[in-house]
PDB file of N, CA and C in Angstrom:
ATOM      1  N   MET A   1      10.482   9.457   6.956  1.00  0.00           N
ATOM      2  CA  MET A   1      11.074   8.807   5.813  1.00  0.00           C
ATOM      3  C   MET A   1      10.781   9.605   4.556  1.00  0.00           C
ATOM      4  N   THR A   2      11.726   9.642   3.675  1.00  0.00           N
ATOM      5  CA  THR A   2      11.562  10.333   2.415  1.00  0.00           C
ATOM      6  C   THR A   2      10.952   9.381   1.400  1.00  0.00           C
ATOM      7  N   PRO A   3       9.845   9.779   0.756  1.00  0.00           N
ATOM      8  CA  PRO A   3       9.264   8.915  -0.260  1.00  0.00           C
ATOM      9  C   PRO A   3      10.276   8.615  -1.355  1.00  0.00           C
ATOM     10  N   GLN A   4      10.226   7.418  -1.873  1.00  0.00           N
ATOM     11  CA  GLN A   4      11.140   7.024  -2.931  1.00  0.00           C
ATOM     12  C   GLN A   4      10.362   6.740  -4.197  1.00  0.00           C
ATOM     13  N   PHE A   5      11.010   6.861  -5.333  1.00  0.00           N
ATOM     14  CA  PHE A   5      10.372   6.496  -6.583  1.00  0.00           C
ATOM     15  C   PHE A   5      10.545   5.002  -6.773  1.00  0.00           C
ATOM     16  N   VAL A   6       9.461   4.309  -7.021  1.00  0.00           N
ATOM     17  CA  VAL A   6       9.494   2.872  -7.225  1.00  0.00           C
ATOM     18  C   VAL A   6       9.203   2.589  -8.687  1.00  0.00           C
ATOM     19  N   ASP A   7      10.079   1.845  -9.339  1.00  0.00           N
ATOM     20  CA  ASP A   7       9.886   1.598 -10.770  1.00  0.00           C
ATOM     21  C   ASP A   7       8.810   0.545 -11.022  1.00  0.00           C
ATOM     22  N   TRP A   8       8.481   0.369 -12.279  1.00  0.00           N
ATOM     23  CA  TRP A   8       7.391  -0.525 -12.668  1.00  0.00           C
ATOM     24  C   TRP A   8       7.800  -1.987 -12.669  1.00  0.00           C
ATOM     25  N   SER A   9       9.010  -2.317 -12.269  1.00  0.00           N
ATOM     26  CA  SER A   9       9.425  -3.716 -12.244  1.00  0.00           C
ATOM     27  C   SER A   9       9.590  -4.262 -10.829  1.00  0.00           C
ATOM     28  N   THR A  10       9.409  -3.433  -9.818  1.00  0.00           N
ATOM     29  CA  THR A  10       9.619  -3.866  -8.439  1.00  0.00           C
ATOM     30  C   THR A  10       8.277  -4.089  -7.749  1.00  0.00           C
ATOM     31  N   SER A  11       8.050  -5.320  -7.294  1.00  0.00           N
ATOM     32  CA  SER A  11       6.773  -5.653  -6.660  1.00  0.00           C
ATOM     33  C   SER A  11       6.737  -5.191  -5.211  1.00  0.00           C
ATOM     34  N   ALA A  12       5.532  -5.103  -4.682  1.00  0.00           N
ATOM     35  CA  ALA A  12       5.351  -4.724  -3.283  1.00  0.00           C
ATOM     36  C   ALA A  12       6.029  -5.734  -2.366  1.00  0.00           C
ATOM     37  N   SER A  13       5.893  -7.015  -2.667  1.00  0.00           N
ATOM     38  CA  SER A  13       6.505  -8.049  -1.827  1.00  0.00           C
ATOM     39  C   SER A  13       8.018  -7.895  -1.765  1.00  0.00           C
ATOM     40  N   THR A  14       8.630  -7.542  -2.890  1.00  0.00           N
ATOM     41  CA  THR A  14      10.084  -7.352  -2.924  1.00  0.00           C
ATOM     42  C   THR A  14      10.498  -6.164  -2.069  1.00  0.00           C
ATOM     43  N   ILE A  15       9.784  -5.072  -2.177  1.00  0.00           N
ATOM     44  CA  ILE A  15      10.111  -3.874  -1.394  1.00  0.00           C
ATOM     45  C   ILE A  15       9.998  -4.158   0.096  1.00  0.00           C
ATOM     46  N   ILE A  16       8.907  -4.799   0.507  1.00  0.00           N
ATOM     47  CA  ILE A  16       8.691  -5.101   1.921  1.00  0.00           C
ATOM     48  C   ILE A  16       9.736  -6.097   2.413  1.00  0.00           C
ATOM     49  N   ALA A  17      10.054  -7.113   1.612  1.00  0.00           N
ATOM     50  CA  ALA A  17      11.053  -8.115   2.006  1.00  0.00           C
ATOM     51  C   ALA A  17      12.424  -7.485   2.223  1.00  0.00           C
ATOM     52  N   ARG A  18      12.695  -6.407   1.523  1.00  0.00           N
ATOM     53  CA  ARG A  18      13.980  -5.700   1.667  1.00  0.00           C
ATOM     54  C   ARG A  18      13.958  -4.693   2.812  1.00  0.00           C
ATOM     55  N   GLY A  19      12.860  -4.677   3.572  1.00  0.00           N
ATOM     56  CA  GLY A  19      12.759  -3.770   4.712  1.00  0.00           C
ATOM     57  C   GLY A  19      12.230  -2.399   4.365  1.00  0.00           C
ATOM     58  N   GLY A  20      11.739  -2.235   3.162  1.00  0.00           N
ATOM     59  CA  GLY A  20      11.220  -0.943   2.731  1.00  0.00           C
ATOM     60  C   GLY A  20       9.750  -0.772   3.065  1.00  0.00           C
ATOM     61  N   VAL A  21       9.230   0.373   2.698  1.00  0.00           N
ATOM     62  CA  VAL A  21       7.814   0.686   2.865  1.00  0.00           C
ATOM     63  C   VAL A  21       7.300   1.286   1.562  1.00  0.00           C
ATOM     64  N   ILE A  22       5.989   1.325   1.437  1.00  0.00           N
ATOM     65  CA  ILE A  22       5.338   1.950   0.291  1.00  0.00           C
ATOM     66  C   ILE A  22       4.496   3.074   0.867  1.00  0.00           C
ATOM     67  N   GLN A  23       4.743   4.295   0.390  1.00  0.00           N
ATOM     68  CA  GLN A  23       4.132   5.454   1.029  1.00  0.00           C
ATOM     69  C   GLN A  23       3.837   6.555   0.021  1.00  0.00           C
ATOM     70  N   LYS A  24       3.168   7.589   0.509  1.00  0.00           N
ATOM     71  CA  LYS A  24       2.787   8.727  -0.327  1.00  0.00           C
ATOM     72  C   LYS A  24       4.010   9.261  -1.065  1.00  0.00           C
ATOM     73  N   GLY A  25       3.836   9.471  -2.359  1.00  0.00           N
ATOM     74  CA  GLY A  25       4.915   9.959  -3.206  1.00  0.00           C
ATOM     75  C   GLY A  25       5.544   8.865  -4.048  1.00  0.00           C
ATOM     76  N   ASP A  26       5.359   7.596  -3.639  1.00  0.00           N
ATOM     77  CA  ASP A  26       5.898   6.478  -4.411  1.00  0.00           C
ATOM     78  C   ASP A  26       5.046   6.242  -5.652  1.00  0.00           C
ATOM     79  N   GLN A  27       5.662   5.629  -6.658  1.00  0.00           N
ATOM     80  CA  GLN A  27       4.966   5.307  -7.901  1.00  0.00           C
ATOM     81  C   GLN A  27       5.471   3.977  -8.418  1.00  0.00           C
ATOM     82  N   GLY A  28       4.621   3.261  -9.121  1.00  0.00           N
ATOM     83  CA  GLY A  28       5.065   2.048  -9.783  1.00  0.00           C
ATOM     84  C   GLY A  28       4.201   0.838  -9.504  1.00  0.00           C
ATOM     85  N   LEU A  29       4.748  -0.314  -9.870  1.00  0.00           N
ATOM     86  CA  LEU A  29       4.050  -1.585  -9.739  1.00  0.00           C
ATOM     87  C   LEU A  29       3.626  -1.857  -8.306  1.00  0.00           C
ATOM     88  N   SER A  30       4.501  -1.588  -7.364  1.00  0.00           N
ATOM     89  CA  SER A  30       4.181  -1.870  -5.960  1.00  0.00           C
ATOM     90  C   SER A  30       2.965  -1.075  -5.498  1.00  0.00           C
ATOM     91  N   VAL A  31       2.879   0.172  -5.902  1.00  0.00           N
ATOM     92  CA  VAL A  31       1.737   1.010  -5.522  1.00  0.00           C
ATOM     93  C   VAL A  31       0.470   0.488  -6.195  1.00  0.00           C
ATOM     94  N   ARG A  32       0.577   0.112  -7.440  1.00  0.00           N
ATOM     95  CA  ARG A  32      -0.589  -0.442  -8.151  1.00  0.00           C
ATOM     96  C   ARG A  32      -1.085  -1.700  -7.442  1.00  0.00           C
ATOM     97  N   GLN A  33      -0.172  -2.550  -6.990  1.00  0.00           N
ATOM     98  CA  GLN A  33      -0.568  -3.759  -6.264  1.00  0.00           C
ATOM     99  C   GLN A  33      -1.280  -3.401  -4.960  1.00  0.00           C
ATOM    100  N   VAL A  34      -0.781  -2.403  -4.265  1.00  0.00           N
ATOM    101  CA  VAL A  34      -1.431  -1.942  -3.034  1.00  0.00           C
ATOM    102  C   VAL A  34      -2.836  -1.436  -3.351  1.00  0.00           C
ATOM    103  N   GLN A  35      -2.972  -0.644  -4.407  1.00  0.00           N
ATOM    104  CA  GLN A  35      -4.277  -0.095  -4.780  1.00  0.00           C
ATOM    105  C   GLN A  35      -5.270  -1.202  -5.137  1.00  0.00           C
ATOM    106  N   ILE A  36      -4.827  -2.191  -5.889  1.00  0.00           N
ATOM    107  CA  ILE A  36      -5.699  -3.312  -6.250  1.00  0.00           C
ATOM    108  C   ILE A  36      -6.125  -4.070  -4.995  1.00  0.00           C
ATOM    109  N   ALA A  37      -5.172  -4.352  -4.116  1.00  0.00           N
ATOM    110  CA  ALA A  37      -5.475  -5.081  -2.881  1.00  0.00           C
ATOM    111  C   ALA A  37      -6.444  -4.295  -2.001  1.00  0.00           C
ATOM    112  N   LEU A  38      -6.237  -2.987  -1.893  1.00  0.00           N
ATOM    113  CA  LEU A  38      -7.151  -2.157  -1.102  1.00  0.00           C
ATOM    114  C   LEU A  38      -8.560  -2.190  -1.687  1.00  0.00           C
ATOM    115  N   ASN A  39      -8.666  -2.082  -3.000  1.00  0.00           N
ATOM    116  CA  ASN A  39      -9.982  -2.142  -3.645  1.00  0.00           C
ATOM    117  C   ASN A  39     -10.658  -3.486  -3.387  1.00  0.00           C
ATOM    118  N   ASN A  40      -9.891  -4.563  -3.467  1.00  0.00           N
ATOM    119  CA  ASN A  40     -10.450  -5.892  -3.222  1.00  0.00           C
ATOM    120  C   ASN A  40     -10.817  -6.081  -1.756  1.00  0.00           C
ATOM    121  N   TYR A  41     -10.050  -5.479  -0.865  1.00  0.00           N
ATOM    122  CA  TYR A  41     -10.292  -5.600   0.576  1.00  0.00           C
ATOM    123  C   TYR A  41     -11.538  -4.841   1.004  1.00  0.00           C
ATOM    124  N   GLY A  42     -11.623  -3.589   0.565  1.00  0.00           N
ATOM    125  CA  GLY A  42     -12.685  -2.742   1.098  1.00  0.00           C
ATOM    126  C   GLY A  42     -13.474  -1.944   0.094  1.00  0.00           C
ATOM    127  N   HIS A  43     -13.308  -2.232  -1.179  1.00  0.00           N
ATOM    128  CA  HIS A  43     -14.061  -1.530  -2.220  1.00  0.00           C
ATOM    129  C   HIS A  43     -13.898  -0.009  -2.099  1.00  0.00           C
ATOM    130  N   TYR A  44     -12.650   0.439  -2.015  1.00  0.00           N
ATOM    131  CA  TYR A  44     -12.365   1.862  -1.847  1.00  0.00           C
ATOM    132  C   TYR A  44     -12.519   2.659  -3.139  1.00  0.00           C
ATOM    133  N   GLY A  45     -12.612   1.998  -4.275  1.00  0.00           N
ATOM    134  CA  GLY A  45     -12.792   2.692  -5.544  1.00  0.00           C
ATOM    135  C   GLY A  45     -11.578   3.487  -5.981  1.00  0.00           C
ATOM    136  N   LEU A  46     -10.399   3.033  -5.588  1.00  0.00           N
ATOM    137  CA  LEU A  46      -9.175   3.738  -5.963  1.00  0.00           C
ATOM    138  C   LEU A  46      -8.856   3.534  -7.433  1.00  0.00           C
ATOM    139  N   SER A  47      -8.304   4.564  -8.044  1.00  0.00           N
ATOM    140  CA  SER A  47      -7.716   4.417  -9.361  1.00  0.00           C
ATOM    141  C   SER A  47      -6.472   3.554  -9.187  1.00  0.00           C
ATOM    142  N   THR A  48      -6.276   2.592 -10.067  1.00  0.00           N
ATOM    143  CA  THR A  48      -5.088   1.737  -9.966  1.00  0.00           C
ATOM    144  C   THR A  48      -4.021   2.239 -10.936  1.00  0.00           C
ATOM    145  N   ASP A  49      -3.643   3.499 -10.722  1.00  0.00           N
ATOM    146  CA  ASP A  49      -2.692   4.175 -11.603  1.00  0.00           C
ATOM    147  C   ASP A  49      -1.242   4.029 -11.163  1.00  0.00           C
ATOM    148  N   GLY A  50      -1.003   3.422 -10.009  1.00  0.00           N
ATOM    149  CA  GLY A  50       0.360   3.244  -9.531  1.00  0.00           C
ATOM    150  C   GLY A  50       0.961   4.483  -8.903  1.00  0.00           C
ATOM    151  N   ILE A  51       0.143   5.462  -8.578  1.00  0.00           N
ATOM    152  CA  ILE A  51       0.620   6.696  -7.945  1.00  0.00           C
ATOM    153  C   ILE A  51       0.046   6.772  -6.535  1.00  0.00           C
ATOM    154  N   PHE A  52       0.916   6.797  -5.546  1.00  0.00           N
ATOM    155  CA  PHE A  52       0.498   6.825  -4.141  1.00  0.00           C
ATOM    156  C   PHE A  52       0.278   8.278  -3.742  1.00  0.00           C
ATOM    157  N   GLY A  53      -0.964   8.723  -3.930  1.00  0.00           N
ATOM    158  CA  GLY A  53      -1.339  10.087  -3.579  1.00  0.00           C
ATOM    159  C   GLY A  53      -2.209  10.115  -2.340  1.00  0.00           C
ATOM    160  N   THR A  54      -2.912  11.215  -2.164  1.00  0.00           N
ATOM    161  CA  THR A  54      -3.747  11.414  -0.977  1.00  0.00           C
ATOM    162  C   THR A  54      -4.865  10.379  -0.874  1.00  0.00           C
ATOM    163  N   ALA A  55      -5.509  10.047  -1.992  1.00  0.00           N
ATOM    164  CA  ALA A  55      -6.606   9.070  -1.953  1.00  0.00           C
ATOM    165  C   ALA A  55      -6.103   7.702  -1.499  1.00  0.00           C
ATOM    166  N   THR A  56      -4.946   7.299  -1.998  1.00  0.00           N
ATOM    167  CA  THR A  56      -4.377   6.008  -1.591  1.00  0.00           C
ATOM    168  C   THR A  56      -3.969   6.053  -0.128  1.00  0.00           C
ATOM    169  N   GLU A  57      -3.358   7.140   0.293  1.00  0.00           N
ATOM    170  CA  GLU A  57      -2.963   7.272   1.697  1.00  0.00           C
ATOM    171  C   GLU A  57      -4.187   7.179   2.615  1.00  0.00           C
ATOM    172  N   ASN A  58      -5.266   7.860   2.250  1.00  0.00           N
ATOM    173  CA  ASN A  58      -6.485   7.815   3.064  1.00  0.00           C
ATOM    174  C   ASN A  58      -7.082   6.411   3.100  1.00  0.00           C
ATOM    175  N   ALA A  59      -7.054   5.709   1.963  1.00  0.00           N
ATOM    176  CA  ALA A  59      -7.566   4.336   1.922  1.00  0.00           C
ATOM    177  C   ALA A  59      -6.714   3.414   2.789  1.00  0.00           C
ATOM    178  N   VAL A  60      -5.400   3.613   2.772  1.00  0.00           N
ATOM    179  CA  VAL A  60      -4.515   2.810   3.630  1.00  0.00           C
ATOM    180  C   VAL A  60      -4.856   3.058   5.092  1.00  0.00           C
ATOM    181  N   ARG A  61      -5.050   4.310   5.462  1.00  0.00           N
ATOM    182  CA  ARG A  61      -5.414   4.628   6.853  1.00  0.00           C
ATOM    183  C   ARG A  61      -6.746   3.968   7.244  1.00  0.00           C
ATOM    184  N   GLN A  62      -7.736   4.039   6.353  1.00  0.00           N
ATOM    185  CA  GLN A  62      -9.038   3.419   6.631  1.00  0.00           C
ATOM    186  C   GLN A  62      -8.889   1.910   6.796  1.00  0.00           C
ATOM    187  N   PHE A  63      -8.121   1.302   5.907  1.00  0.00           N
ATOM    188  CA  PHE A  63      -7.851  -0.132   5.983  1.00  0.00           C
ATOM    189  C   PHE A  63      -7.166  -0.482   7.303  1.00  0.00           C
ATOM    190  N   GLN A  64      -6.125   0.280   7.652  1.00  0.00           N
ATOM    191  CA  GLN A  64      -5.381   0.008   8.884  1.00  0.00           C
ATOM    192  C   GLN A  64      -6.280   0.142  10.113  1.00  0.00           C
ATOM    193  N   PHE A  65      -7.139   1.137  10.106  1.00  0.00           N
ATOM    194  CA  PHE A  65      -8.045   1.356  11.231  1.00  0.00           C
ATOM    195  C   PHE A  65      -9.067   0.221  11.344  1.00  0.00           C
ATOM    196  N   ALA A  66      -9.539  -0.263  10.192  1.00  0.00           N
ATOM    197  CA  ALA A  66     -10.602  -1.273  10.175  1.00  0.00           C
ATOM    198  C   ALA A  66     -10.117  -2.687  10.466  1.00  0.00           C
ATOM    199  N   ASP A  67      -8.864  -2.978  10.151  1.00  0.00           N
ATOM    200  CA  ASP A  67      -8.384  -4.351  10.298  1.00  0.00           C
ATOM    201  C   ASP A  67      -7.819  -4.583  11.694  1.00  0.00           C
ATOM    202  N   PRO A  68      -8.325  -5.590  12.409  1.00  0.00           N
ATOM    203  CA  PRO A  68      -7.873  -5.834  13.782  1.00  0.00           C
ATOM    204  C   PRO A  68      -6.428  -6.334  13.878  1.00  0.00           C
ATOM    205  N   ASN A  69      -5.838  -6.753  12.757  1.00  0.00           N
ATOM    206  CA  ASN A  69      -4.455  -7.235  12.771  1.00  0.00           C
ATOM    207  C   ASN A  69      -3.432  -6.114  12.651  1.00  0.00           C
ATOM    208  N   ILE A  70      -3.901  -4.905  12.371  1.00  0.00           N
ATOM    209  CA  ILE A  70      -3.010  -3.764  12.170  1.00  0.00           C
ATOM    210  C   ILE A  70      -2.959  -2.941  13.448  1.00  0.00           C
ATOM    211  N   VAL A  71      -1.753  -2.710  13.945  1.00  0.00           N
ATOM    212  CA  VAL A  71      -1.571  -1.952  15.182  1.00  0.00           C
ATOM    213  C   VAL A  71      -1.378  -0.468  14.892  1.00  0.00           C
ATOM    214  N   GLN A  72      -0.541  -0.150  13.917  1.00  0.00           N
ATOM    215  CA  GLN A  72      -0.192   1.243  13.647  1.00  0.00           C
ATOM    216  C   GLN A  72      -0.980   1.792  12.459  1.00  0.00           C
ATOM    217  N   VAL A  73      -1.720   2.866  12.687  1.00  0.00           N
ATOM    218  CA  VAL A  73      -2.477   3.544  11.630  1.00  0.00           C
ATOM    219  C   VAL A  73      -1.673   4.772  11.219  1.00  0.00           C
ATOM    220  N   ASP A  74      -0.932   4.639  10.102  1.00  0.00           N
ATOM    221  CA  ASP A  74      -0.049   5.726   9.686  1.00  0.00           C
ATOM    222  C   ASP A  74      -0.136   6.051   8.196  1.00  0.00           C
ATOM    223  N   GLY A  75      -0.934   5.296   7.444  1.00  0.00           N
ATOM    224  CA  GLY A  75      -1.051   5.559   6.014  1.00  0.00           C
ATOM    225  C   GLY A  75       0.120   5.059   5.199  1.00  0.00           C
ATOM    226  N   ILE A  76       1.010   4.301   5.825  1.00  0.00           N
ATOM    227  CA  ILE A  76       2.197   3.754   5.168  1.00  0.00           C
ATOM    228  C   ILE A  76       2.072   2.237   5.133  1.00  0.00           C
ATOM    229  N   VAL A  77       2.368   1.637   3.984  1.00  0.00           N
ATOM    230  CA  VAL A  77       2.305   0.182   3.869  1.00  0.00           C
ATOM    231  C   VAL A  77       3.684  -0.393   4.170  1.00  0.00           C
ATOM    232  N   GLY A  78       3.801  -0.957   5.361  1.00  0.00           N
ATOM    233  CA  GLY A  78       4.996  -1.687   5.761  1.00  0.00           C
ATOM    234  C   GLY A  78       4.651  -3.160   5.852  1.00  0.00           C
ATOM    235  N   SER A  79       5.488  -3.924   6.537  1.00  0.00           N
ATOM    236  CA  SER A  79       5.284  -5.372   6.584  1.00  0.00           C
ATOM    237  C   SER A  79       3.965  -5.762   7.247  1.00  0.00           C
ATOM    238  N   GLU A  80       3.584  -5.069   8.299  1.00  0.00           N
ATOM    239  CA  GLU A  80       2.343  -5.405   9.004  1.00  0.00           C
ATOM    240  C   GLU A  80       1.125  -5.259   8.090  1.00  0.00           C
ATOM    241  N   SER A  81       1.048  -4.141   7.400  1.00  0.00           N
ATOM    242  CA  SER A  81      -0.078  -3.908   6.487  1.00  0.00           C
ATOM    243  C   SER A  81      -0.010  -4.837   5.276  1.00  0.00           C
ATOM    244  N   TRP A  82       1.189  -5.011   4.723  1.00  0.00           N
ATOM    245  CA  TRP A  82       1.321  -5.836   3.529  1.00  0.00           C
ATOM    246  C   TRP A  82       0.989  -7.298   3.817  1.00  0.00           C
ATOM    247  N   ASN A  83       1.303  -7.789   5.005  1.00  0.00           N
ATOM    248  CA  ASN A  83       0.980  -9.176   5.354  1.00  0.00           C
ATOM    249  C   ASN A  83      -0.513  -9.448   5.228  1.00  0.00           C
ATOM    250  N   VAL A  84      -1.336  -8.450   5.477  1.00  0.00           N
ATOM    251  CA  VAL A  84      -2.787  -8.599   5.318  1.00  0.00           C
ATOM    252  C   VAL A  84      -3.191  -8.317   3.871  1.00  0.00           C
ATOM    253  N   LEU A  85      -2.712  -7.216   3.310  1.00  0.00           N
ATOM    254  CA  LEU A  85      -3.142  -6.801   1.969  1.00  0.00           C
ATOM    255  C   LEU A  85      -2.798  -7.810   0.878  1.00  0.00           C
ATOM    256  N   GLN A  86      -1.654  -8.464   0.980  1.00  0.00           N
ATOM    257  CA  GLN A  86      -1.240  -9.368  -0.095  1.00  0.00           C
ATOM    258  C   GLN A  86      -2.233 -10.515  -0.304  1.00  0.00           C
ATOM    259  N   ASN A  87      -3.041 -10.788   0.692  1.00  0.00           N
ATOM    260  CA  ASN A  87      -4.065 -11.826   0.558  1.00  0.00           C
ATOM    261  C   ASN A  87      -5.221 -11.395  -0.336  1.00  0.00           C
ATOM    262  N   TYR A  88      -5.253 -10.121  -0.706  1.00  0.00           N
ATOM    263  CA  TYR A  88      -6.354  -9.587  -1.508  1.00  0.00           C
ATOM    264  C   TYR A  88      -5.951  -9.290  -2.947  1.00  0.00           C
ATOM    265  N   LEU A  89      -4.815  -9.804  -3.363  1.00  0.00           N
ATOM    266  CA  LEU A  89      -4.395  -9.642  -4.761  1.00  0.00           C
ATOM    267  C   LEU A  89      -4.973 -10.758  -5.610  1.00  0.00           C
TER     268      LEU A  89
END
């Protein structure tokens, strides 16, 4: 999948509900929400700058590996990952 630019008005829940994913290269509100949720979930110490870079991708992978509800460890936030992460906002 090609990373897309996500604007500052589109939430993570909206992107996932539309069948999208949040992944490396994306920017905006949705990424910031993912970063906040990851920090609350596992204290990853991510900057909440809204930029999905290598640090965010690595934190997503660590989260996916650690959570028993996540089957696929790919560093991409899709519906499976978001269903867990949204509880940490």
